[in-house]
Amino acid sequence: MNVLLIAGKALALAFWLVFGAALAKRFGAPFEQMIYLMAGFLALLHGAQLWLFSDLLSGRGSPWLDRAQVLLFGIFHLYPLKAEQQPEAAAVIEDAAHA
């Protein structure tokens, strides 16, 4: 699973590099507009993920770095964070059941 997350982050980073190349006018007219539209949609999607998972990120050691990585990588950065939090939540529920 870790290999898939790293591959996903690498592909997301490659897309943002392609977007940077499109900003530098390295592609033809129809491809640049398509890349701009995809980048806008992806930024909107990652912004929604950032908003939905803001509680998860606020308790972290460096929340601004995590927020920047969510904007770049999206779910590929959020998935391991959510997996780390689940055992803690299960322990809280178990403690409440014994009280």
N, C-alpha and C. Protein backbone atom coordinates (compact mmCIF):
# COMPACT_ATOMS: atom_id res chain seq x y z
N MET A 1 0.82 -1.20 0.00
CA MET A 1 0.00 0.00 0.00
C MET A 1 0.86 1.25 0.00
N ASN A 2 1.97 1.19 0.71
CA ASN A 2 2.87 2.34 0.78
C ASN A 2 3.46 2.67 -0.59
N VAL A 3 3.69 1.65 -1.40
CA VAL A 3 4.23 1.87 -2.74
C VAL A 3 3.21 2.61 -3.60
N LEU A 4 1.93 2.28 -3.45
CA LEU A 4 0.88 2.97 -4.21
C LEU A 4 0.77 4.44 -3.81
N LEU A 5 0.92 4.72 -2.51
CA LEU A 5 0.86 6.10 -2.06
C LEU A 5 2.03 6.92 -2.60
N ILE A 6 3.21 6.33 -2.61
CA ILE A 6 4.39 7.03 -3.14
C ILE A 6 4.25 7.23 -4.65
N ALA A 7 3.74 6.22 -5.34
CA ALA A 7 3.52 6.36 -6.79
C ALA A 7 2.47 7.43 -7.08
N GLY A 8 1.42 7.49 -6.27
CA GLY A 8 0.40 8.52 -6.45
C GLY A 8 0.96 9.91 -6.21
N LYS A 9 1.79 10.06 -5.18
CA LYS A 9 2.42 11.36 -4.93
C LYS A 9 3.34 11.75 -6.07
N ALA A 10 4.06 10.77 -6.62
CA ALA A 10 4.96 11.06 -7.74
C ALA A 10 4.17 11.50 -8.97
N LEU A 11 3.04 10.85 -9.23
CA LEU A 11 2.22 11.24 -10.38
C LEU A 11 1.58 12.62 -10.17
N ALA A 12 1.16 12.92 -8.95
CA ALA A 12 0.60 14.23 -8.66
C ALA A 12 1.66 15.32 -8.84
N LEU A 13 2.86 15.04 -8.37
CA LEU A 13 3.96 16.00 -8.55
C LEU A 13 4.29 16.18 -10.02
N ALA A 14 4.27 15.08 -10.78
CA ALA A 14 4.52 15.18 -12.22
C ALA A 14 3.46 16.04 -12.90
N PHE A 15 2.19 15.92 -12.48
CA PHE A 15 1.15 16.75 -13.07
C PHE A 15 1.40 18.22 -12.77
N TRP A 16 1.78 18.55 -11.53
CA TRP A 16 2.02 19.96 -11.20
C TRP A 16 3.23 20.49 -11.96
N LEU A 17 4.21 19.65 -12.26
CA LEU A 17 5.34 20.07 -13.09
C LEU A 17 4.90 20.33 -14.53
N VAL A 18 4.00 19.50 -15.03
CA VAL A 18 3.43 19.72 -16.37
C VAL A 18 2.65 21.03 -16.38
N PHE A 19 1.92 21.31 -15.31
CA PHE A 19 1.19 22.57 -15.20
C PHE A 19 2.16 23.76 -15.22
N GLY A 20 3.28 23.63 -14.53
CA GLY A 20 4.29 24.68 -14.57
C GLY A 20 4.85 24.88 -15.96
N ALA A 21 5.04 23.79 -16.68
CA ALA A 21 5.50 23.90 -18.07
C ALA A 21 4.45 24.56 -18.95
N ALA A 22 3.18 24.29 -18.67
CA ALA A 22 2.11 24.93 -19.45
C ALA A 22 2.07 26.43 -19.16
N LEU A 23 2.35 26.81 -17.91
CA LEU A 23 2.41 28.23 -17.59
C LEU A 23 3.56 28.92 -18.31
N ALA A 24 4.62 28.17 -18.58
CA ALA A 24 5.78 28.72 -19.29
C ALA A 24 5.59 28.65 -20.81
N LYS A 25 4.39 28.30 -21.25
CA LYS A 25 4.04 28.25 -22.68
C LYS A 25 4.88 27.24 -23.45
N ARG A 26 5.03 26.04 -22.89
CA ARG A 26 5.79 24.98 -23.56
C ARG A 26 4.94 24.08 -24.45
N PHE A 27 3.62 24.23 -24.36
CA PHE A 27 2.71 23.37 -25.13
C PHE A 27 1.91 24.21 -26.11
N GLY A 28 1.22 23.54 -27.00
CA GLY A 28 0.37 24.23 -27.96
C GLY A 28 -0.92 24.71 -27.33
N ALA A 29 -1.68 25.46 -28.09
CA ALA A 29 -2.89 26.10 -27.59
C ALA A 29 -3.94 25.14 -27.02
N PRO A 30 -4.33 24.07 -27.70
CA PRO A 30 -5.41 23.27 -27.08
C PRO A 30 -4.95 22.52 -25.84
N PHE A 31 -3.67 22.13 -25.79
CA PHE A 31 -3.18 21.38 -24.64
C PHE A 31 -3.05 22.27 -23.42
N GLU A 32 -2.64 23.53 -23.60
CA GLU A 32 -2.51 24.43 -22.47
C GLU A 32 -3.85 24.66 -21.79
N GLN A 33 -4.90 24.90 -22.58
CA GLN A 33 -6.21 25.14 -21.98
C GLN A 33 -6.73 23.90 -21.26
N MET A 34 -6.47 22.73 -21.81
CA MET A 34 -6.89 21.50 -21.16
C MET A 34 -6.15 21.31 -19.83
N ILE A 35 -4.86 21.60 -19.81
CA ILE A 35 -4.08 21.48 -18.59
C ILE A 35 -4.55 22.50 -17.56
N TYR A 36 -4.86 23.73 -17.99
CA TYR A 36 -5.37 24.74 -17.07
C TYR A 36 -6.69 24.31 -16.44
N LEU A 37 -7.57 23.73 -17.25
CA LEU A 37 -8.85 23.26 -16.72
C LEU A 37 -8.66 22.12 -15.72
N MET A 38 -7.78 21.18 -16.05
CA MET A 38 -7.53 20.07 -15.14
C MET A 38 -6.89 20.55 -13.85
N ALA A 39 -5.97 21.51 -13.95
CA ALA A 39 -5.32 22.04 -12.75
C ALA A 39 -6.31 22.80 -11.88
N GLY A 40 -7.21 23.54 -12.50
CA GLY A 40 -8.23 24.24 -11.74
C GLY A 40 -9.16 23.28 -11.01
N PHE A 41 -9.58 22.23 -11.70
CA PHE A 41 -10.43 21.21 -11.08
C PHE A 41 -9.70 20.51 -9.95
N LEU A 42 -8.43 20.16 -10.17
CA LEU A 42 -7.66 19.47 -9.14
C LEU A 42 -7.43 20.37 -7.93
N ALA A 43 -7.16 21.65 -8.16
CA ALA A 43 -6.98 22.59 -7.05
C ALA A 43 -8.29 22.74 -6.27
N LEU A 44 -9.41 22.78 -6.96
CA LEU A 44 -10.72 22.86 -6.30
C LEU A 44 -10.99 21.59 -5.48
N LEU A 45 -10.68 20.45 -6.04
CA LEU A 45 -10.88 19.18 -5.35
C LEU A 45 -9.99 19.09 -4.11
N HIS A 46 -8.73 19.47 -4.23
CA HIS A 46 -7.82 19.42 -3.09
C HIS A 46 -8.20 20.46 -2.03
N GLY A 47 -8.73 21.59 -2.47
CA GLY A 47 -9.22 22.58 -1.51
C GLY A 47 -10.41 22.04 -0.72
N ALA A 48 -11.29 21.30 -1.38
CA ALA A 48 -12.42 20.67 -0.69
C ALA A 48 -11.93 19.62 0.30
N GLN A 49 -10.92 18.85 -0.07
CA GLN A 49 -10.34 17.88 0.85
C GLN A 49 -9.71 18.58 2.05
N LEU A 50 -9.07 19.69 1.80
CA LEU A 50 -8.45 20.46 2.88
C LEU A 50 -9.52 20.96 3.84
N TRP A 51 -10.64 21.41 3.31
CA TRP A 51 -11.73 21.90 4.15
C TRP A 51 -12.39 20.76 4.93
N LEU A 52 -12.62 19.62 4.27
CA LEU A 52 -13.28 18.50 4.92
C LEU A 52 -12.43 17.86 6.02
N PHE A 53 -11.13 17.84 5.84
CA PHE A 53 -10.24 17.19 6.80
C PHE A 53 -9.45 18.19 7.64
N SER A 54 -9.98 19.40 7.82
CA SER A 54 -9.24 20.42 8.58
C SER A 54 -9.07 20.02 10.04
N ASP A 55 -10.01 19.30 10.63
CA ASP A 55 -9.87 18.85 12.02
C ASP A 55 -8.72 17.85 12.16
N LEU A 56 -8.56 17.00 11.18
CA LEU A 56 -7.48 16.01 11.20
C LEU A 56 -6.12 16.70 11.14
N LEU A 57 -6.03 17.78 10.36
CA LEU A 57 -4.74 18.45 10.17
C LEU A 57 -4.41 19.43 11.29
N SER A 58 -5.42 19.94 12.00
CA SER A 58 -5.15 20.97 13.01
C SER A 58 -4.41 20.40 14.22
N GLY A 59 -4.55 19.14 14.52
CA GLY A 59 -3.89 18.54 15.67
C GLY A 59 -2.48 18.04 15.38
N ARG A 60 -1.98 18.25 14.20
CA ARG A 60 -0.66 17.73 13.81
C ARG A 60 0.45 18.67 14.29
N GLY A 61 1.68 18.19 14.25
CA GLY A 61 2.83 18.98 14.69
C GLY A 61 3.12 20.17 13.80
N SER A 62 3.00 20.01 12.50
CA SER A 62 3.22 21.11 11.55
C SER A 62 2.01 21.18 10.60
N PRO A 63 0.93 21.81 11.06
CA PRO A 63 -0.29 21.79 10.24
C PRO A 63 -0.16 22.53 8.92
N TRP A 64 0.67 23.56 8.83
CA TRP A 64 0.79 24.31 7.58
C TRP A 64 1.52 23.49 6.52
N LEU A 65 2.51 22.72 6.95
CA LEU A 65 3.19 21.83 6.00
C LEU A 65 2.24 20.75 5.50
N ASP A 66 1.44 20.21 6.40
CA ASP A 66 0.45 19.21 6.00
C ASP A 66 -0.58 19.80 5.05
N ARG A 67 -1.00 21.03 5.30
CA ARG A 67 -1.97 21.67 4.41
C ARG A 67 -1.39 21.89 3.02
N ALA A 68 -0.12 22.29 2.95
CA ALA A 68 0.52 22.47 1.65
C ALA A 68 0.63 21.14 0.90
N GLN A 69 0.93 20.08 1.64
CA GLN A 69 1.03 18.77 0.99
C GLN A 69 -0.33 18.26 0.54
N VAL A 70 -1.39 18.59 1.28
CA VAL A 70 -2.74 18.21 0.83
C VAL A 70 -3.09 18.96 -0.44
N LEU A 71 -2.71 20.23 -0.53
CA LEU A 71 -2.98 20.98 -1.76
C LEU A 71 -2.22 20.41 -2.94
N LEU A 72 -1.03 19.89 -2.71
CA LEU A 72 -0.25 19.31 -3.80
C LEU A 72 -0.65 17.86 -4.13
N PHE A 73 -0.81 17.05 -3.09
CA PHE A 73 -0.96 15.61 -3.30
C PHE A 73 -2.36 15.07 -3.02
N GLY A 74 -3.20 15.82 -2.31
CA GLY A 74 -4.56 15.41 -2.05
C GLY A 74 -4.66 14.19 -1.15
N ILE A 75 -5.44 13.22 -1.58
CA ILE A 75 -5.72 12.04 -0.76
C ILE A 75 -4.48 11.20 -0.52
N PHE A 76 -3.49 11.32 -1.38
CA PHE A 76 -2.26 10.54 -1.19
C PHE A 76 -1.50 10.98 0.05
N HIS A 77 -1.74 12.20 0.52
CA HIS A 77 -1.15 12.64 1.79
C HIS A 77 -2.12 12.40 2.95
N LEU A 78 -3.42 12.48 2.70
CA LEU A 78 -4.40 12.34 3.78
C LEU A 78 -4.60 10.89 4.23
N TYR A 79 -4.49 9.96 3.32
CA TYR A 79 -4.78 8.56 3.66
C TYR A 79 -3.91 8.03 4.79
N PRO A 80 -2.58 8.23 4.77
CA PRO A 80 -1.78 7.73 5.89
C PRO A 80 -2.10 8.46 7.20
N LEU A 81 -2.46 9.74 7.14
CA LEU A 81 -2.80 10.47 8.35
C LEU A 81 -4.07 9.93 8.98
N LYS A 82 -5.05 9.60 8.15
CA LYS A 82 -6.31 9.06 8.65
C LYS A 82 -6.08 7.67 9.24
N ALA A 83 -5.19 6.89 8.64
CA ALA A 83 -4.89 5.55 9.16
C ALA A 83 -4.19 5.64 10.52
N GLU A 84 -3.36 6.67 10.73
CA GLU A 84 -2.69 6.86 12.02
C GLU A 84 -3.69 7.23 13.10
N GLN A 85 -4.73 7.98 12.76
CA GLN A 85 -5.68 8.45 13.75
C GLN A 85 -6.68 7.38 14.15
N GLN A 86 -6.96 6.42 13.31
CA GLN A 86 -7.99 5.42 13.60
C GLN A 86 -7.68 4.57 14.83
N PRO A 87 -6.45 4.09 15.09
CA PRO A 87 -6.22 3.33 16.31
C PRO A 87 -6.45 4.17 17.57
N GLU A 88 -6.14 5.46 17.53
CA GLU A 88 -6.37 6.32 18.68
C GLU A 88 -7.86 6.46 18.94
N ALA A 89 -8.65 6.62 17.89
CA ALA A 89 -10.10 6.75 18.04
C ALA A 89 -10.70 5.45 18.59
N ALA A 90 -10.19 4.32 18.16
CA ALA A 90 -10.69 3.04 18.66
C ALA A 90 -10.38 2.89 20.14
N ALA A 91 -9.22 3.36 20.59
CA ALA A 91 -8.87 3.29 22.00
C ALA A 91 -9.78 4.18 22.84
N VAL A 92 -10.15 5.34 22.33
CA VAL A 92 -11.05 6.24 23.05
C VAL A 92 -12.43 5.61 23.18
N ILE A 93 -12.91 5.00 22.12
CA ILE A 93 -14.23 4.33 22.17
C ILE A 93 -14.20 3.17 23.15
N GLU A 94 -13.11 2.41 23.15
CA GLU A 94 -12.99 1.28 24.06
C GLU A 94 -12.94 1.75 25.52
N ASP A 95 -12.23 2.84 25.80
CA ASP A 95 -12.19 3.39 27.15
C ASP A 95 -13.55 3.89 27.59
N ALA A 96 -14.29 4.48 26.69
CA ALA A 96 -15.63 4.95 27.03
C ALA A 96 -16.58 3.80 27.31
N ALA A 97 -16.38 2.69 26.64
CA ALA A 97 -17.25 1.53 26.85
C ALA A 97 -17.00 0.92 28.23
N HIS A 98 -15.77 0.99 28.73
CA HIS A 98 -15.45 0.42 30.04
C HIS A 98 -15.82 1.34 31.18
N ALA A 99 -16.11 2.60 30.89
CA ALA A 99 -16.41 3.54 31.98
C ALA A 99 -17.80 3.38 32.54
